[in-house]
Amino acid sequence: CNHFFDSLDVHFVVLLTDSPTTMDLRVSVHTEFEEFPAGQSCDVIVMASVDCRAFQSEARASRAPIDLCCVLDRSGSMGGENMDLLKDSVKFMIEQLKPTDRLTVVAFDNHTETVLAPTFMTAEGKKAACKAVMAVRVGGNTNLSGGLFEGLEQFRRRTEAL
């Protein structure tokens, strides 16, 4: 059917724990399909993005530094669009990290490799992290346990890197 949907009911509940004096709330909704059968009920996958910029106290805006280890699957099944999506996701995550956060990146196929040792996410650290992630290439078979164990080992060693 090539009919536009009659309506798209979207319900949002916003709970405010603080009482901000101003709030900027933006919601964007993207559906699985652009058109739906009119007058019929159907299940649809919807991605909703909510961006809320509210007044925050300094204490709420700050958080403790984190140590994060990303374990990336670079096996043959990750070729093409899968690898592009993985890299884009990790780059987005890198952008969200603070200068006091540390990131380690491990990549695996049938071999494991630490492509980024624990690095503080300063501007220079973020550049190095993005460069390391972009250099990951699709390889051989999947050794998921090898990647997981290397990631855990890097996390265990994180205090040695200080």
N, C-alpha and C. Protein backbone atom coordinates (compact mmCIF):
# COMPACT_ATOMS: atom_id res chain seq x y z
N CYS A 1 0.83 -1.18 0.00
CA CYS A 1 0.00 0.00 0.00
C CYS A 1 0.88 1.24 0.00
N ASN A 2 0.50 2.23 -0.74
CA ASN A 2 1.25 3.47 -0.80
C ASN A 2 0.47 4.64 -0.22
N HIS A 3 -0.17 4.42 0.91
CA HIS A 3 -0.91 5.49 1.56
C HIS A 3 -0.10 6.01 2.73
N PHE A 4 -0.19 7.30 2.93
CA PHE A 4 0.47 7.85 4.10
C PHE A 4 -0.30 7.44 5.34
N PHE A 5 0.38 7.35 6.45
CA PHE A 5 -0.30 6.98 7.69
C PHE A 5 -1.26 8.09 8.10
N ASP A 6 -2.36 7.66 8.74
CA ASP A 6 -3.36 8.63 9.20
C ASP A 6 -2.78 9.54 10.27
N SER A 7 -2.11 8.95 11.24
CA SER A 7 -1.48 9.73 12.29
C SER A 7 -0.44 8.86 12.98
N LEU A 8 0.48 9.51 13.59
CA LEU A 8 1.51 8.81 14.35
C LEU A 8 1.42 9.34 15.77
N ASP A 9 0.92 8.50 16.66
CA ASP A 9 0.78 8.91 18.06
C ASP A 9 2.09 8.65 18.78
N VAL A 10 2.67 9.70 19.31
CA VAL A 10 3.89 9.60 20.07
C VAL A 10 3.64 10.25 21.41
N HIS A 11 3.91 9.52 22.47
CA HIS A 11 3.67 10.03 23.82
C HIS A 11 5.00 10.15 24.54
N PHE A 12 5.22 11.29 25.17
CA PHE A 12 6.45 11.52 25.93
C PHE A 12 6.09 11.90 27.35
N VAL A 13 6.83 11.38 28.27
CA VAL A 13 6.71 11.79 29.67
C VAL A 13 8.06 12.37 30.05
N VAL A 14 8.07 13.61 30.49
CA VAL A 14 9.30 14.25 30.90
C VAL A 14 9.23 14.46 32.40
N LEU A 15 10.14 13.83 33.12
CA LEU A 15 10.19 13.99 34.57
C LEU A 15 11.32 14.93 34.91
N LEU A 16 11.02 15.94 35.65
CA LEU A 16 12.03 16.92 36.03
C LEU A 16 12.33 16.74 37.51
N THR A 17 13.56 16.34 37.82
CA THR A 17 13.94 16.18 39.22
C THR A 17 14.42 17.50 39.80
N ASP A 18 15.03 18.32 38.98
CA ASP A 18 15.39 19.68 39.38
C ASP A 18 14.29 20.58 38.84
N SER A 19 14.31 21.81 39.20
CA SER A 19 13.33 22.75 38.65
C SER A 19 14.05 23.76 37.79
N PRO A 20 14.37 23.41 36.54
CA PRO A 20 15.08 24.36 35.69
C PRO A 20 14.20 25.56 35.36
N THR A 21 14.84 26.67 35.25
CA THR A 21 14.09 27.87 34.91
C THR A 21 13.85 27.93 33.41
N THR A 22 14.74 27.36 32.63
CA THR A 22 14.54 27.29 31.18
C THR A 22 14.89 25.89 30.72
N MET A 23 14.24 25.46 29.68
CA MET A 23 14.53 24.14 29.14
C MET A 23 14.28 24.17 27.64
N ASP A 24 15.20 23.58 26.90
CA ASP A 24 15.09 23.48 25.46
C ASP A 24 14.97 21.99 25.14
N LEU A 25 13.80 21.55 24.72
CA LEU A 25 13.55 20.13 24.45
C LEU A 25 13.26 19.96 22.97
N ARG A 26 14.07 19.11 22.31
CA ARG A 26 13.86 18.81 20.90
C ARG A 26 13.68 17.30 20.76
N VAL A 27 12.66 16.92 20.01
CA VAL A 27 12.38 15.50 19.78
C VAL A 27 12.31 15.29 18.28
N SER A 28 13.06 14.31 17.79
CA SER A 28 12.93 13.94 16.38
C SER A 28 12.61 12.45 16.32
N VAL A 29 11.67 12.11 15.47
CA VAL A 29 11.21 10.73 15.36
C VAL A 29 11.39 10.28 13.92
N HIS A 30 12.03 9.14 13.76
CA HIS A 30 12.23 8.56 12.43
C HIS A 30 11.61 7.17 12.44
N THR A 31 10.80 6.89 11.43
CA THR A 31 10.14 5.60 11.36
C THR A 31 10.85 4.69 10.37
N GLU A 32 10.56 3.43 10.51
CA GLU A 32 11.15 2.40 9.66
C GLU A 32 10.78 2.62 8.19
N PHE A 33 9.56 3.05 7.95
CA PHE A 33 9.07 3.27 6.60
C PHE A 33 8.54 4.70 6.49
N GLU A 34 8.53 5.24 5.29
CA GLU A 34 7.98 6.58 5.08
C GLU A 34 6.46 6.55 4.92
N GLU A 35 5.93 5.42 4.49
CA GLU A 35 4.50 5.32 4.25
C GLU A 35 3.96 4.08 4.93
N PHE A 36 2.68 4.17 5.36
CA PHE A 36 2.02 3.06 6.04
C PHE A 36 0.63 2.89 5.47
N PRO A 37 0.06 1.68 5.56
CA PRO A 37 -1.31 1.48 5.08
C PRO A 37 -2.29 2.30 5.92
N ALA A 38 -3.14 3.08 5.28
CA ALA A 38 -4.13 3.90 5.98
C ALA A 38 -5.21 3.01 6.58
N GLY A 39 -5.62 3.34 7.80
CA GLY A 39 -6.72 2.63 8.44
C GLY A 39 -6.36 1.26 8.99
N GLN A 40 -5.09 0.89 8.97
CA GLN A 40 -4.67 -0.41 9.48
C GLN A 40 -3.68 -0.23 10.62
N SER A 41 -3.70 -1.18 11.50
CA SER A 41 -2.77 -1.17 12.62
C SER A 41 -1.56 -2.04 12.25
N CYS A 42 -0.38 -1.57 12.54
CA CYS A 42 0.81 -2.37 12.25
C CYS A 42 1.93 -2.00 13.24
N ASP A 43 2.83 -2.92 13.45
CA ASP A 43 4.00 -2.67 14.28
C ASP A 43 5.06 -2.00 13.44
N VAL A 44 5.67 -0.95 13.99
CA VAL A 44 6.67 -0.18 13.26
C VAL A 44 7.85 0.10 14.19
N ILE A 45 9.03 -0.03 13.66
CA ILE A 45 10.22 0.35 14.42
C ILE A 45 10.40 1.85 14.30
N VAL A 46 10.55 2.50 15.45
CA VAL A 46 10.68 3.95 15.50
C VAL A 46 11.92 4.30 16.30
N MET A 47 12.71 5.23 15.78
CA MET A 47 13.85 5.73 16.54
C MET A 47 13.52 7.15 16.94
N ALA A 48 13.52 7.39 18.24
CA ALA A 48 13.25 8.74 18.74
C ALA A 48 14.51 9.27 19.38
N SER A 49 14.88 10.47 19.00
CA SER A 49 16.02 11.14 19.60
C SER A 49 15.50 12.32 20.40
N VAL A 50 15.91 12.38 21.65
CA VAL A 50 15.49 13.46 22.52
C VAL A 50 16.73 14.23 22.93
N ASP A 51 16.70 15.52 22.67
CA ASP A 51 17.80 16.39 23.06
C ASP A 51 17.23 17.41 24.02
N CYS A 52 17.69 17.37 25.24
CA CYS A 52 17.16 18.26 26.26
C CYS A 52 18.31 19.01 26.91
N ARG A 53 18.31 20.30 26.71
CA ARG A 53 19.32 21.13 27.36
C ARG A 53 18.61 21.93 28.43
N ALA A 54 18.86 21.57 29.64
CA ALA A 54 18.21 22.24 30.76
C ALA A 54 19.27 22.87 31.65
N PHE A 55 18.84 23.77 32.49
CA PHE A 55 19.73 24.34 33.48
C PHE A 55 20.24 23.21 34.35
N GLN A 56 21.54 23.13 34.56
CA GLN A 56 22.11 22.12 35.44
C GLN A 56 23.06 22.78 36.41
N SER A 57 23.03 22.28 37.61
CA SER A 57 24.00 22.77 38.58
C SER A 57 25.36 22.22 38.19
N GLU A 58 26.41 22.86 38.66
CA GLU A 58 27.77 22.41 38.34
C GLU A 58 28.01 21.00 38.87
N ALA A 59 27.46 20.71 40.04
CA ALA A 59 27.64 19.38 40.63
C ALA A 59 26.99 18.30 39.77
N ARG A 60 25.83 18.61 39.21
CA ARG A 60 25.15 17.62 38.38
C ARG A 60 25.83 17.46 37.02
N ALA A 61 26.39 18.53 36.48
CA ALA A 61 27.04 18.48 35.18
C ALA A 61 28.36 17.73 35.24
N SER A 62 29.00 17.71 36.40
CA SER A 62 30.29 17.03 36.51
C SER A 62 30.06 15.57 36.92
N ARG A 63 31.01 14.76 36.64
CA ARG A 63 30.96 13.34 37.03
C ARG A 63 32.38 12.87 37.25
N ALA A 64 32.51 11.74 37.89
CA ALA A 64 33.83 11.17 38.13
C ALA A 64 34.44 10.72 36.80
N PRO A 65 35.76 10.79 36.67
CA PRO A 65 36.41 10.28 35.45
C PRO A 65 36.13 8.78 35.28
N ILE A 66 36.10 8.34 34.05
CA ILE A 66 35.88 6.92 33.78
C ILE A 66 37.04 6.33 33.00
N ASP A 67 37.25 5.05 33.17
CA ASP A 67 38.15 4.26 32.35
C ASP A 67 37.25 3.37 31.50
N LEU A 68 37.41 3.43 30.19
CA LEU A 68 36.56 2.70 29.28
C LEU A 68 37.42 1.90 28.32
N CYS A 69 37.05 0.65 28.11
CA CYS A 69 37.75 -0.18 27.13
C CYS A 69 36.73 -0.66 26.11
N CYS A 70 36.92 -0.29 24.84
CA CYS A 70 36.06 -0.74 23.75
C CYS A 70 36.72 -1.92 23.07
N VAL A 71 35.95 -2.98 22.90
CA VAL A 71 36.44 -4.18 22.21
C VAL A 71 35.69 -4.26 20.89
N LEU A 72 36.43 -4.09 19.79
CA LEU A 72 35.83 -3.99 18.46
C LEU A 72 36.00 -5.27 17.67
N ASP A 73 34.91 -5.76 17.13
CA ASP A 73 34.92 -6.95 16.27
C ASP A 73 35.32 -6.50 14.86
N ARG A 74 36.46 -7.02 14.39
CA ARG A 74 36.89 -6.70 13.03
C ARG A 74 36.93 -7.95 12.15
N SER A 75 36.14 -8.95 12.54
CA SER A 75 36.11 -10.20 11.77
C SER A 75 35.47 -9.96 10.41
N GLY A 76 35.58 -10.95 9.53
CA GLY A 76 35.09 -10.82 8.16
C GLY A 76 33.64 -10.42 8.05
N SER A 77 32.81 -10.82 9.00
CA SER A 77 31.38 -10.48 8.94
C SER A 77 31.12 -9.00 9.18
N MET A 78 32.13 -8.26 9.60
CA MET A 78 31.97 -6.83 9.89
C MET A 78 32.30 -5.95 8.69
N GLY A 79 32.47 -6.54 7.53
CA GLY A 79 32.84 -5.76 6.35
C GLY A 79 31.78 -4.77 5.92
N GLY A 80 32.21 -3.79 5.16
CA GLY A 80 31.31 -2.81 4.55
C GLY A 80 30.60 -1.91 5.54
N GLU A 81 29.28 -1.85 5.41
CA GLU A 81 28.46 -0.95 6.21
C GLU A 81 28.57 -1.24 7.71
N ASN A 82 28.72 -2.52 8.07
CA ASN A 82 28.85 -2.87 9.49
C ASN A 82 30.06 -2.18 10.12
N MET A 83 31.19 -2.21 9.43
CA MET A 83 32.40 -1.60 9.96
C MET A 83 32.26 -0.08 10.00
N ASP A 84 31.64 0.49 8.98
CA ASP A 84 31.42 1.94 8.96
C ASP A 84 30.57 2.37 10.14
N LEU A 85 29.50 1.63 10.42
CA LEU A 85 28.62 1.95 11.53
C LEU A 85 29.36 1.81 12.87
N LEU A 86 30.16 0.76 13.00
CA LEU A 86 30.94 0.56 14.22
C LEU A 86 31.88 1.74 14.45
N LYS A 87 32.60 2.14 13.42
CA LYS A 87 33.55 3.25 13.55
C LYS A 87 32.84 4.56 13.88
N ASP A 88 31.72 4.82 13.21
CA ASP A 88 30.96 6.04 13.49
C ASP A 88 30.47 6.06 14.93
N SER A 89 30.01 4.92 15.42
CA SER A 89 29.52 4.82 16.79
C SER A 89 30.63 5.08 17.80
N VAL A 90 31.79 4.50 17.57
CA VAL A 90 32.91 4.69 18.50
C VAL A 90 33.40 6.13 18.44
N LYS A 91 33.45 6.71 17.25
CA LYS A 91 33.86 8.12 17.14
C LYS A 91 32.88 9.04 17.89
N PHE A 92 31.60 8.76 17.79
CA PHE A 92 30.61 9.54 18.53
C PHE A 92 30.86 9.42 20.03
N MET A 93 31.11 8.20 20.48
CA MET A 93 31.38 7.97 21.90
C MET A 93 32.62 8.74 22.34
N ILE A 94 33.66 8.72 21.52
CA ILE A 94 34.91 9.44 21.84
C ILE A 94 34.63 10.92 22.04
N GLU A 95 33.79 11.49 21.19
CA GLU A 95 33.46 12.92 21.29
C GLU A 95 32.79 13.26 22.62
N GLN A 96 32.10 12.28 23.23
CA GLN A 96 31.38 12.53 24.48
C GLN A 96 32.28 12.45 25.71
N LEU A 97 33.45 11.87 25.56
CA LEU A 97 34.34 11.69 26.71
C LEU A 97 34.98 13.00 27.14
N LYS A 98 35.28 13.08 28.42
CA LYS A 98 35.90 14.27 29.00
C LYS A 98 37.41 14.09 29.06
N PRO A 99 38.18 15.17 29.18
CA PRO A 99 39.64 15.08 29.22
C PRO A 99 40.18 14.21 30.35
N THR A 100 39.40 14.04 31.41
CA THR A 100 39.83 13.22 32.54
C THR A 100 39.49 11.74 32.36
N ASP A 101 38.74 11.40 31.31
CA ASP A 101 38.40 10.01 31.01
C ASP A 101 39.54 9.36 30.24
N ARG A 102 39.68 8.05 30.44
CA ARG A 102 40.69 7.30 29.67
C ARG A 102 39.99 6.25 28.84
N LEU A 103 40.49 6.08 27.62
CA LEU A 103 39.94 5.10 26.69
C LEU A 103 41.03 4.14 26.24
N THR A 104 40.66 2.87 26.17
CA THR A 104 41.50 1.82 25.60
C THR A 104 40.67 1.16 24.49
N VAL A 105 41.31 0.83 23.37
CA VAL A 105 40.58 0.17 22.28
C VAL A 105 41.31 -1.11 21.90
N VAL A 106 40.55 -2.21 21.92
CA VAL A 106 41.05 -3.52 21.51
C VAL A 106 40.26 -3.95 20.29
N ALA A 107 40.93 -4.49 19.29
CA ALA A 107 40.26 -5.02 18.10
C ALA A 107 40.56 -6.51 18.00
N PHE A 108 39.58 -7.26 17.52
CA PHE A 108 39.81 -8.70 17.38
C PHE A 108 39.18 -9.24 16.12
N ASP A 109 39.84 -10.24 15.56
CA ASP A 109 39.28 -11.15 14.59
C ASP A 109 39.73 -12.51 15.11
N ASN A 110 40.56 -13.26 14.36
CA ASN A 110 41.13 -14.47 14.95
C ASN A 110 42.34 -14.13 15.81
N HIS A 111 42.79 -12.88 15.77
CA HIS A 111 43.87 -12.36 16.62
C HIS A 111 43.34 -11.14 17.37
N THR A 112 43.95 -10.86 18.51
CA THR A 112 43.57 -9.65 19.24
C THR A 112 44.71 -8.66 19.21
N GLU A 113 44.35 -7.38 19.26
CA GLU A 113 45.36 -6.33 19.21
C GLU A 113 44.84 -5.12 19.99
N THR A 114 45.69 -4.57 20.83
CA THR A 114 45.35 -3.32 21.50
C THR A 114 45.76 -2.20 20.56
N VAL A 115 44.77 -1.53 19.97
CA VAL A 115 45.06 -0.50 18.98
C VAL A 115 45.21 0.88 19.62
N LEU A 116 44.76 1.00 20.87
CA LEU A 116 44.95 2.24 21.63
C LEU A 116 45.14 1.87 23.09
N ALA A 117 46.35 2.12 23.60
CA ALA A 117 46.63 1.90 25.02
C ALA A 117 45.82 2.93 25.82
N PRO A 118 45.66 2.74 27.13
CA PRO A 118 44.89 3.72 27.92
C PRO A 118 45.37 5.14 27.66
N THR A 119 44.45 5.99 27.20
CA THR A 119 44.78 7.35 26.78
C THR A 119 43.74 8.31 27.35
N PHE A 120 44.21 9.39 27.96
CA PHE A 120 43.30 10.43 28.43
C PHE A 120 42.67 11.10 27.21
N MET A 121 41.39 11.43 27.32
CA MET A 121 40.66 11.98 26.19
C MET A 121 40.72 13.51 26.12
N THR A 122 41.94 14.01 26.14
CA THR A 122 42.20 15.41 25.84
C THR A 122 41.97 15.58 24.34
N ALA A 123 42.09 16.79 23.84
CA ALA A 123 41.92 17.01 22.39
C ALA A 123 42.88 16.13 21.61
N GLU A 124 44.13 16.08 22.07
CA GLU A 124 45.13 15.25 21.38
C GLU A 124 44.82 13.76 21.54
N GLY A 125 44.35 13.36 22.72
CA GLY A 125 43.98 11.97 22.96
C GLY A 125 42.82 11.53 22.09
N LYS A 126 41.85 12.43 21.92
CA LYS A 126 40.70 12.11 21.07
C LYS A 126 41.13 11.95 19.62
N LYS A 127 42.07 12.78 19.18
CA LYS A 127 42.60 12.66 17.81
C LYS A 127 43.25 11.29 17.62
N ALA A 128 44.09 10.92 18.60
CA ALA A 128 44.78 9.62 18.54
C ALA A 128 43.78 8.47 18.56
N ALA A 129 42.74 8.59 19.38
CA ALA A 129 41.72 7.54 19.47
C ALA A 129 40.97 7.39 18.15
N CYS A 130 40.57 8.51 17.56
CA CYS A 130 39.86 8.45 16.28
C CYS A 130 40.75 7.85 15.19
N LYS A 131 42.01 8.24 15.18
CA LYS A 131 42.95 7.71 14.19
C LYS A 131 43.11 6.20 14.36
N ALA A 132 43.20 5.73 15.61
CA ALA A 132 43.35 4.29 15.88
C ALA A 132 42.10 3.53 15.43
N VAL A 133 40.93 4.07 15.71
CA VAL A 133 39.69 3.42 15.33
C VAL A 133 39.54 3.38 13.81
N MET A 134 39.86 4.50 13.15
CA MET A 134 39.74 4.54 11.70
C MET A 134 40.71 3.59 11.00
N ALA A 135 41.81 3.24 11.67
CA ALA A 135 42.81 2.34 11.08
C ALA A 135 42.41 0.87 11.19
N VAL A 136 41.37 0.56 11.97
CA VAL A 136 40.94 -0.84 12.12
C VAL A 136 40.39 -1.33 10.80
N ARG A 137 40.86 -2.47 10.35
CA ARG A 137 40.43 -3.06 9.08
C ARG A 137 39.83 -4.44 9.33
N VAL A 138 38.92 -4.83 8.46
CA VAL A 138 38.29 -6.14 8.55
C VAL A 138 39.34 -7.22 8.34
N GLY A 139 39.25 -8.27 9.16
CA GLY A 139 40.25 -9.34 9.09
C GLY A 139 39.63 -10.70 8.89
N GLY A 140 40.06 -11.64 9.74
CA GLY A 140 39.71 -13.05 9.57
C GLY A 140 38.48 -13.48 10.34
N ASN A 141 38.61 -14.65 11.00
CA ASN A 141 37.51 -15.26 11.73
C ASN A 141 37.25 -14.54 13.05
N THR A 142 36.20 -14.96 13.73
CA THR A 142 35.81 -14.32 15.00
C THR A 142 36.36 -15.09 16.18
N ASN A 143 37.16 -14.42 17.00
CA ASN A 143 37.62 -14.98 18.27
C ASN A 143 37.11 -14.05 19.37
N LEU A 144 35.81 -14.12 19.61
CA LEU A 144 35.16 -13.23 20.56
C LEU A 144 35.79 -13.33 21.95
N SER A 145 36.06 -14.55 22.40
CA SER A 145 36.62 -14.70 23.75
C SER A 145 38.01 -14.08 23.83
N GLY A 146 38.80 -14.18 22.77
CA GLY A 146 40.13 -13.56 22.76
C GLY A 146 40.03 -12.05 22.90
N GLY A 147 39.08 -11.44 22.19
CA GLY A 147 38.88 -10.00 22.29
C GLY A 147 38.41 -9.60 23.67
N LEU A 148 37.48 -10.36 24.22
CA LEU A 148 36.97 -10.06 25.56
C LEU A 148 38.08 -10.19 26.61
N PHE A 149 38.86 -11.27 26.55
CA PHE A 149 39.94 -11.46 27.53
C PHE A 149 41.00 -10.37 27.42
N GLU A 150 41.32 -9.94 26.21
CA GLU A 150 42.30 -8.86 26.04
C GLU A 150 41.75 -7.55 26.60
N GLY A 151 40.46 -7.29 26.35
CA GLY A 151 39.83 -6.10 26.91
C GLY A 151 39.85 -6.11 28.42
N LEU A 152 39.55 -7.26 29.01
CA LEU A 152 39.59 -7.38 30.48
C LEU A 152 41.01 -7.21 31.01
N GLU A 153 41.99 -7.76 30.30
CA GLU A 153 43.38 -7.62 30.71
C GLU A 153 43.82 -6.16 30.66
N GLN A 154 43.43 -5.45 29.61
CA GLN A 154 43.76 -4.03 29.51
C GLN A 154 43.10 -3.24 30.64
N PHE A 155 41.89 -3.61 30.97
CA PHE A 155 41.19 -2.93 32.05
C PHE A 155 41.87 -3.22 33.39
N ARG A 156 42.31 -4.46 33.57
CA ARG A 156 43.02 -4.83 34.80
C ARG A 156 44.30 -4.03 34.94
N ARG A 157 45.00 -3.79 33.84
CA ARG A 157 46.28 -3.09 33.85
C ARG A 157 46.14 -1.56 33.94
N ARG A 158 44.94 -1.05 33.93
CA ARG A 158 44.75 0.40 33.81
C ARG A 158 45.44 1.20 34.91
N THR A 159 45.55 0.63 36.08
CA THR A 159 46.23 1.37 37.15
C THR A 159 47.73 1.43 36.93
N GLU A 160 48.28 0.47 36.19
CA GLU A 160 49.72 0.48 35.89
C GLU A 160 50.09 1.62 34.95
N ALA A 161 49.11 2.08 34.14
CA ALA A 161 49.38 3.10 33.13
C ALA A 161 49.43 4.52 33.72
N LEU A 162 49.05 4.65 34.98
CA LEU A 162 49.06 5.98 35.58
C LEU A 162 50.42 6.40 35.88
